[in-house]
Amino acid sequence: MSRTAIPVKEKVAAHRERLRAAGRIYVNTDLPADLVAQLDQIKEERGVASRAPIIEEAVRLLIEKQQGA
């Protein structure tokens, strides 16, 4: 490993700090396998790189539904 290489742990910490600075918070959770499979199917259909935007949209829609009730 070269002396200039940044360890993965530091890269991840720096990435999460940039996200926090942008007003975002890292959330980690466990989901049932069937939901993950459906998320992955939607991800493929939309051509997005990760599950995050789909989960964000779902949470936003749930909150909007709850607020409208």
PDB file of N, CA and C in Angstrom:
ATOM      1  N   MET A   1       0.855  -1.170   0.000  1.00  0.00           N
ATOM      2  CA  MET A   1       0.000   0.000   0.000  1.00  0.00           C
ATOM      3  C   MET A   1       0.901   1.233   0.000  1.00  0.00           C
ATOM      4  N   SER A   2       0.549   2.223  -0.816  1.00  0.00           N
ATOM      5  CA  SER A   2       1.370   3.435  -0.855  1.00  0.00           C
ATOM      6  C   SER A   2       1.112   4.295   0.366  1.00  0.00           C
ATOM      7  N   ARG A   3       2.054   5.181   0.633  1.00  0.00           N
ATOM      8  CA  ARG A   3       1.912   6.055   1.804  1.00  0.00           C
ATOM      9  C   ARG A   3       0.776   7.063   1.636  1.00  0.00           C
ATOM     10  N   THR A   4       0.388   7.348   0.396  1.00  0.00           N
ATOM     11  CA  THR A   4      -0.655   8.342   0.158  1.00  0.00           C
ATOM     12  C   THR A   4      -2.056   7.736   0.152  1.00  0.00           C
ATOM     13  N   ALA A   5      -2.147   6.416   0.161  1.00  0.00           N
ATOM     14  CA  ALA A   5      -3.456   5.763   0.155  1.00  0.00           C
ATOM     15  C   ALA A   5      -4.179   6.039   1.467  1.00  0.00           C
ATOM     16  N   ILE A   6      -5.450   6.400   1.340  1.00  0.00           N
ATOM     17  CA  ILE A   6      -6.275   6.668   2.518  1.00  0.00           C
ATOM     18  C   ILE A   6      -7.034   5.383   2.852  1.00  0.00           C
ATOM     19  N   PRO A   7      -6.931   4.921   4.092  1.00  0.00           N
ATOM     20  CA  PRO A   7      -7.666   3.711   4.476  1.00  0.00           C
ATOM     21  C   PRO A   7      -9.168   3.873   4.237  1.00  0.00           C
ATOM     22  N   VAL A   8      -9.806   2.773   3.902  1.00  0.00           N
ATOM     23  CA  VAL A   8     -11.236   2.780   3.592  1.00  0.00           C
ATOM     24  C   VAL A   8     -12.046   3.392   4.732  1.00  0.00           C
ATOM     25  N   LYS A   9     -11.721   3.059   5.952  1.00  0.00           N
ATOM     26  CA  LYS A   9     -12.460   3.574   7.112  1.00  0.00           C
ATOM     27  C   LYS A   9     -12.459   5.098   7.126  1.00  0.00           C
ATOM     28  N   GLU A  10     -11.317   5.703   6.798  1.00  0.00           N
ATOM     29  CA  GLU A  10     -11.231   7.165   6.757  1.00  0.00           C
ATOM     30  C   GLU A  10     -12.021   7.737   5.586  1.00  0.00           C
ATOM     31  N   LYS A  11     -12.015   7.039   4.446  1.00  0.00           N
ATOM     32  CA  LYS A  11     -12.795   7.500   3.289  1.00  0.00           C
ATOM     33  C   LYS A  11     -14.285   7.500   3.607  1.00  0.00           C
ATOM     34  N   VAL A  12     -14.730   6.432   4.257  1.00  0.00           N
ATOM     35  CA  VAL A  12     -16.147   6.332   4.624  1.00  0.00           C
ATOM     36  C   VAL A  12     -16.511   7.434   5.616  1.00  0.00           C
ATOM     37  N   ALA A  13     -15.658   7.663   6.601  1.00  0.00           N
ATOM     38  CA  ALA A  13     -15.919   8.719   7.585  1.00  0.00           C
ATOM     39  C   ALA A  13     -15.978  10.084   6.908  1.00  0.00           C
ATOM     40  N   ALA A  14     -15.082  10.338   5.980  1.00  0.00           N
ATOM     41  CA  ALA A  14     -15.083  11.622   5.272  1.00  0.00           C
ATOM     42  C   ALA A  14     -16.342  11.771   4.419  1.00  0.00           C
ATOM     43  N   HIS A  15     -16.752  10.677   3.772  1.00  0.00           N
ATOM     44  CA  HIS A  15     -17.967  10.703   2.953  1.00  0.00           C
ATOM     45  C   HIS A  15     -19.193  11.009   3.813  1.00  0.00           C
ATOM     46  N   ARG A  16     -19.299  10.329   4.956  1.00  0.00           N
ATOM     47  CA  ARG A  16     -20.447  10.562   5.844  1.00  0.00           C
ATOM     48  C   ARG A  16     -20.425  11.978   6.412  1.00  0.00           C
ATOM     49  N   GLU A  17     -19.258  12.520   6.661  1.00  0.00           N
ATOM     50  CA  GLU A  17     -19.158  13.899   7.155  1.00  0.00           C
ATOM     51  C   GLU A  17     -19.639  14.879   6.087  1.00  0.00           C
ATOM     52  N   ARG A  18     -19.291  14.630   4.824  1.00  0.00           N
ATOM     53  CA  ARG A  18     -19.785  15.493   3.737  1.00  0.00           C
ATOM     54  C   ARG A  18     -21.305  15.418   3.642  1.00  0.00           C
ATOM     55  N   LEU A  19     -21.844  14.219   3.822  1.00  0.00           N
ATOM     56  CA  LEU A  19     -23.307  14.065   3.782  1.00  0.00           C
ATOM     57  C   LEU A  19     -23.959  14.819   4.943  1.00  0.00           C
ATOM     58  N   ARG A  20     -23.382  14.700   6.142  1.00  0.00           N
ATOM     59  CA  ARG A  20     -23.921  15.435   7.302  1.00  0.00           C
ATOM     60  C   ARG A  20     -23.885  16.936   7.050  1.00  0.00           C
ATOM     61  N   ALA A  21     -22.811  17.405   6.465  1.00  0.00           N
ATOM     62  CA  ALA A  21     -22.680  18.834   6.162  1.00  0.00           C
ATOM     63  C   ALA A  21     -23.744  19.270   5.161  1.00  0.00           C
ATOM     64  N   ALA A  22     -24.204  18.343   4.344  1.00  0.00           N
ATOM     65  CA  ALA A  22     -25.253  18.633   3.371  1.00  0.00           C
ATOM     66  C   ALA A  22     -26.650  18.410   3.957  1.00  0.00           C
ATOM     67  N   GLY A  23     -26.717  18.150   5.272  1.00  0.00           N
ATOM     68  CA  GLY A  23     -28.011  17.987   5.932  1.00  0.00           C
ATOM     69  C   GLY A  23     -28.585  16.584   5.869  1.00  0.00           C
ATOM     70  N   ARG A  24     -27.753  15.615   5.570  1.00  0.00           N
ATOM     71  CA  ARG A  24     -28.227  14.239   5.481  1.00  0.00           C
ATOM     72  C   ARG A  24     -27.706  13.440   6.667  1.00  0.00           C
ATOM     73  N   ILE A  25     -28.450  12.408   7.065  1.00  0.00           N
ATOM     74  CA  ILE A  25     -28.087  11.567   8.200  1.00  0.00           C
ATOM     75  C   ILE A  25     -28.090  10.117   7.742  1.00  0.00           C
ATOM     76  N   TYR A  26     -27.038   9.381   8.095  1.00  0.00           N
ATOM     77  CA  TYR A  26     -26.919   7.973   7.754  1.00  0.00           C
ATOM     78  C   TYR A  26     -27.872   7.165   8.622  1.00  0.00           C
ATOM     79  N   VAL A  27     -28.658   6.305   7.989  1.00  0.00           N
ATOM     80  CA  VAL A  27     -29.599   5.436   8.699  1.00  0.00           C
ATOM     81  C   VAL A  27     -29.329   4.006   8.254  1.00  0.00           C
ATOM     82  N   ASN A  28     -29.273   3.098   9.218  1.00  0.00           N
ATOM     83  CA  ASN A  28     -29.011   1.697   8.933  1.00  0.00           C
ATOM     84  C   ASN A  28     -30.128   0.868   9.556  1.00  0.00           C
ATOM     85  N   THR A  29     -30.675  -0.075   8.785  1.00  0.00           N
ATOM     86  CA  THR A  29     -31.748  -0.912   9.308  1.00  0.00           C
ATOM     87  C   THR A  29     -31.740  -2.280   8.639  1.00  0.00           C
ATOM     88  N   ASP A  30     -32.413  -3.213   9.235  1.00  0.00           N
ATOM     89  CA  ASP A  30     -32.604  -4.537   8.660  1.00  0.00           C
ATOM     90  C   ASP A  30     -33.997  -4.592   8.059  1.00  0.00           C
ATOM     91  N   LEU A  31     -34.119  -5.236   6.902  1.00  0.00           N
ATOM     92  CA  LEU A  31     -35.413  -5.393   6.242  1.00  0.00           C
ATOM     93  C   LEU A  31     -35.617  -6.856   5.868  1.00  0.00           C
ATOM     94  N   PRO A  32     -36.886  -7.275   5.761  1.00  0.00           N
ATOM     95  CA  PRO A  32     -37.149  -8.644   5.312  1.00  0.00           C
ATOM     96  C   PRO A  32     -36.644  -8.844   3.873  1.00  0.00           C
ATOM     97  N   ALA A  33     -36.208 -10.043   3.588  1.00  0.00           N
ATOM     98  CA  ALA A  33     -35.630 -10.354   2.271  1.00  0.00           C
ATOM     99  C   ALA A  33     -36.584 -10.064   1.128  1.00  0.00           C
ATOM    100  N   ASP A  34     -37.885 -10.293   1.339  1.00  0.00           N
ATOM    101  CA  ASP A  34     -38.832 -10.049   0.244  1.00  0.00           C
ATOM    102  C   ASP A  34     -38.914  -8.564  -0.102  1.00  0.00           C
ATOM    103  N   LEU A  35     -38.820  -7.685   0.906  1.00  0.00           N
ATOM    104  CA  LEU A  35     -38.830  -6.247   0.627  1.00  0.00           C
ATOM    105  C   LEU A  35     -37.568  -5.818  -0.109  1.00  0.00           C
ATOM    106  N   VAL A  36     -36.444  -6.378   0.290  1.00  0.00           N
ATOM    107  CA  VAL A  36     -35.183  -6.047  -0.375  1.00  0.00           C
ATOM    108  C   VAL A  36     -35.224  -6.505  -1.831  1.00  0.00           C
ATOM    109  N   ALA A  37     -35.792  -7.665  -2.077  1.00  0.00           N
ATOM    110  CA  ALA A  37     -35.913  -8.164  -3.453  1.00  0.00           C
ATOM    111  C   ALA A  37     -36.771  -7.222  -4.288  1.00  0.00           C
ATOM    112  N   GLN A  38     -37.864  -6.731  -3.704  1.00  0.00           N
ATOM    113  CA  GLN A  38     -38.728  -5.795  -4.422  1.00  0.00           C
ATOM    114  C   GLN A  38     -38.024  -4.460  -4.640  1.00  0.00           C
ATOM    115  N   LEU A  39     -37.270  -3.999  -3.635  1.00  0.00           N
ATOM    116  CA  LEU A  39     -36.480  -2.777  -3.791  1.00  0.00           C
ATOM    117  C   LEU A  39     -35.482  -2.929  -4.933  1.00  0.00           C
ATOM    118  N   ASP A  40     -34.810  -4.065  -4.973  1.00  0.00           N
ATOM    119  CA  ASP A  40     -33.822  -4.299  -6.027  1.00  0.00           C
ATOM    120  C   ASP A  40     -34.461  -4.334  -7.406  1.00  0.00           C
ATOM    121  N   GLN A  41     -35.677  -4.873  -7.485  1.00  0.00           N
ATOM    122  CA  GLN A  41     -36.385  -4.897  -8.765  1.00  0.00           C
ATOM    123  C   GLN A  41     -36.703  -3.473  -9.211  1.00  0.00           C
ATOM    124  N   ILE A  42     -37.198  -2.648  -8.302  1.00  0.00           N
ATOM    125  CA  ILE A  42     -37.496  -1.243  -8.620  1.00  0.00           C
ATOM    126  C   ILE A  42     -36.208  -0.516  -8.995  1.00  0.00           C
ATOM    127  N   LYS A  43     -35.130  -0.789  -8.266  1.00  0.00           N
ATOM    128  CA  LYS A  43     -33.833  -0.175  -8.542  1.00  0.00           C
ATOM    129  C   LYS A  43     -33.396  -0.485  -9.969  1.00  0.00           C
ATOM    130  N   GLU A  44     -33.514  -1.727 -10.375  1.00  0.00           N
ATOM    131  CA  GLU A  44     -33.139  -2.124 -11.734  1.00  0.00           C
ATOM    132  C   GLU A  44     -34.028  -1.456 -12.772  1.00  0.00           C
ATOM    133  N   GLU A  45     -35.339  -1.417 -12.512  1.00  0.00           N
ATOM    134  CA  GLU A  45     -36.279  -0.802 -13.452  1.00  0.00           C
ATOM    135  C   GLU A  45     -35.978   0.684 -13.647  1.00  0.00           C
ATOM    136  N   ARG A  46     -35.600   1.351 -12.577  1.00  0.00           N
ATOM    137  CA  ARG A  46     -35.319   2.791 -12.644  1.00  0.00           C
ATOM    138  C   ARG A  46     -33.890   3.099 -13.060  1.00  0.00           C
ATOM    139  N   GLY A  47     -33.046   2.097 -13.023  1.00  0.00           N
ATOM    140  CA  GLY A  47     -31.657   2.289 -13.408  1.00  0.00           C
ATOM    141  C   GLY A  47     -30.859   3.144 -12.437  1.00  0.00           C
ATOM    142  N   VAL A  48     -31.218   3.070 -11.157  1.00  0.00           N
ATOM    143  CA  VAL A  48     -30.475   3.821 -10.145  1.00  0.00           C
ATOM    144  C   VAL A  48     -29.374   2.941  -9.560  1.00  0.00           C
ATOM    145  N   ALA A  49     -28.356   3.583  -9.000  1.00  0.00           N
ATOM    146  CA  ALA A  49     -27.185   2.859  -8.524  1.00  0.00           C
ATOM    147  C   ALA A  49     -27.368   2.219  -7.152  1.00  0.00           C
ATOM    148  N   SER A  50     -28.321   2.717  -6.364  1.00  0.00           N
ATOM    149  CA  SER A  50     -28.482   2.177  -5.016  1.00  0.00           C
ATOM    150  C   SER A  50     -29.952   2.177  -4.616  1.00  0.00           C
ATOM    151  N   ARG A  51     -30.222   1.595  -3.467  1.00  0.00           N
ATOM    152  CA  ARG A  51     -31.577   1.535  -2.927  1.00  0.00           C
ATOM    153  C   ARG A  51     -31.976   2.847  -2.252  1.00  0.00           C
ATOM    154  N   ALA A  52     -31.005   3.648  -1.884  1.00  0.00           N
ATOM    155  CA  ALA A  52     -31.254   4.842  -1.081  1.00  0.00           C
ATOM    156  C   ALA A  52     -32.323   5.779  -1.658  1.00  0.00           C
ATOM    157  N   PRO A  53     -32.265   6.140  -2.938  1.00  0.00           N
ATOM    158  CA  PRO A  53     -33.294   7.066  -3.425  1.00  0.00           C
ATOM    159  C   PRO A  53     -34.698   6.474  -3.410  1.00  0.00           C
ATOM    160  N   ILE A  54     -34.794   5.172  -3.565  1.00  0.00           N
ATOM    161  CA  ILE A  54     -36.099   4.506  -3.540  1.00  0.00           C
ATOM    162  C   ILE A  54     -36.641   4.497  -2.118  1.00  0.00           C
ATOM    163  N   ILE A  55     -35.787   4.183  -1.161  1.00  0.00           N
ATOM    164  CA  ILE A  55     -36.200   4.184   0.246  1.00  0.00           C
ATOM    165  C   ILE A  55     -36.570   5.602   0.671  1.00  0.00           C
ATOM    166  N   GLU A  56     -35.777   6.590   0.253  1.00  0.00           N
ATOM    167  CA  GLU A  56     -36.082   7.986   0.595  1.00  0.00           C
ATOM    168  C   GLU A  56     -37.451   8.393   0.052  1.00  0.00           C
ATOM    169  N   GLU A  57     -37.734   8.022  -1.188  1.00  0.00           N
ATOM    170  CA  GLU A  57     -39.034   8.341  -1.783  1.00  0.00           C
ATOM    171  C   GLU A  57     -40.174   7.661  -1.028  1.00  0.00           C
ATOM    172  N   ALA A  58     -39.974   6.397  -0.647  1.00  0.00           N
ATOM    173  CA  ALA A  58     -41.009   5.654   0.072  1.00  0.00           C
ATOM    174  C   ALA A  58     -41.297   6.286   1.432  1.00  0.00           C
ATOM    175  N   VAL A  59     -40.249   6.672   2.146  1.00  0.00           N
ATOM    176  CA  VAL A  59     -40.427   7.303   3.460  1.00  0.00           C
ATOM    177  C   VAL A  59     -41.135   8.645   3.298  1.00  0.00           C
ATOM    178  N   ARG A  60     -40.722   9.413   2.293  1.00  0.00           N
ATOM    179  CA  ARG A  60     -41.353  10.718   2.039  1.00  0.00           C
ATOM    180  C   ARG A  60     -42.847  10.547   1.742  1.00  0.00           C
ATOM    181  N   LEU A  61     -43.187   9.563   0.908  1.00  0.00           N
ATOM    182  CA  LEU A  61     -44.599   9.313   0.582  1.00  0.00           C
ATOM    183  C   LEU A  61     -45.387   8.886   1.818  1.00  0.00           C
ATOM    184  N   LEU A  62     -44.795   8.052   2.665  1.00  0.00           N
ATOM    185  CA  LEU A  62     -45.462   7.630   3.900  1.00  0.00           C
ATOM    186  C   LEU A  62     -45.726   8.828   4.801  1.00  0.00           C
ATOM    187  N   ILE A  63     -44.744   9.694   4.963  1.00  0.00           N
ATOM    188  CA  ILE A  63     -44.907  10.873   5.804  1.00  0.00           C
ATOM    189  C   ILE A  63     -45.974  11.808   5.232  1.00  0.00           C
ATOM    190  N   GLU A  64     -45.948  12.014   3.935  1.00  0.00           N
ATOM    191  CA  GLU A  64     -46.973  12.860   3.303  1.00  0.00           C
ATOM    192  C   GLU A  64     -48.366  12.269   3.498  1.00  0.00           C
ATOM    193  N   LYS A  65     -48.483  10.944   3.382  1.00  0.00           N
ATOM    194  CA  LYS A  65     -49.765  10.275   3.590  1.00  0.00           C
ATOM    195  C   LYS A  65     -50.231  10.454   5.028  1.00  0.00           C
ATOM    196  N   GLN A  66     -49.319  10.274   5.990  1.00  0.00           N
ATOM    197  CA  GLN A  66     -49.668  10.426   7.398  1.00  0.00           C
ATOM    198  C   GLN A  66     -50.084  11.866   7.717  1.00  0.00           C
ATOM    199  N   GLN A  67     -49.408  12.826   7.141  1.00  0.00           N
ATOM    200  CA  GLN A  67     -49.720  14.233   7.407  1.00  0.00           C
ATOM    201  C   GLN A  67     -51.039  14.637   6.775  1.00  0.00           C
ATOM    202  N   GLY A  68     -51.395  13.971   5.685  1.00  0.00           N
ATOM    203  CA  GLY A  68     -52.651  14.281   5.011  1.00  0.00           C
ATOM    204  C   GLY A  68     -53.852  13.615   5.661  1.00  0.00           C
ATOM    205  N   ALA A  69     -53.594  12.677   6.548  1.00  0.00           N
ATOM    206  CA  ALA A  69     -54.698  11.911   7.168  1.00  0.00           C
ATOM    207  C   ALA A  69     -55.363  12.672   8.280  1.00  0.00           C
TER     208      ALA A  69
END
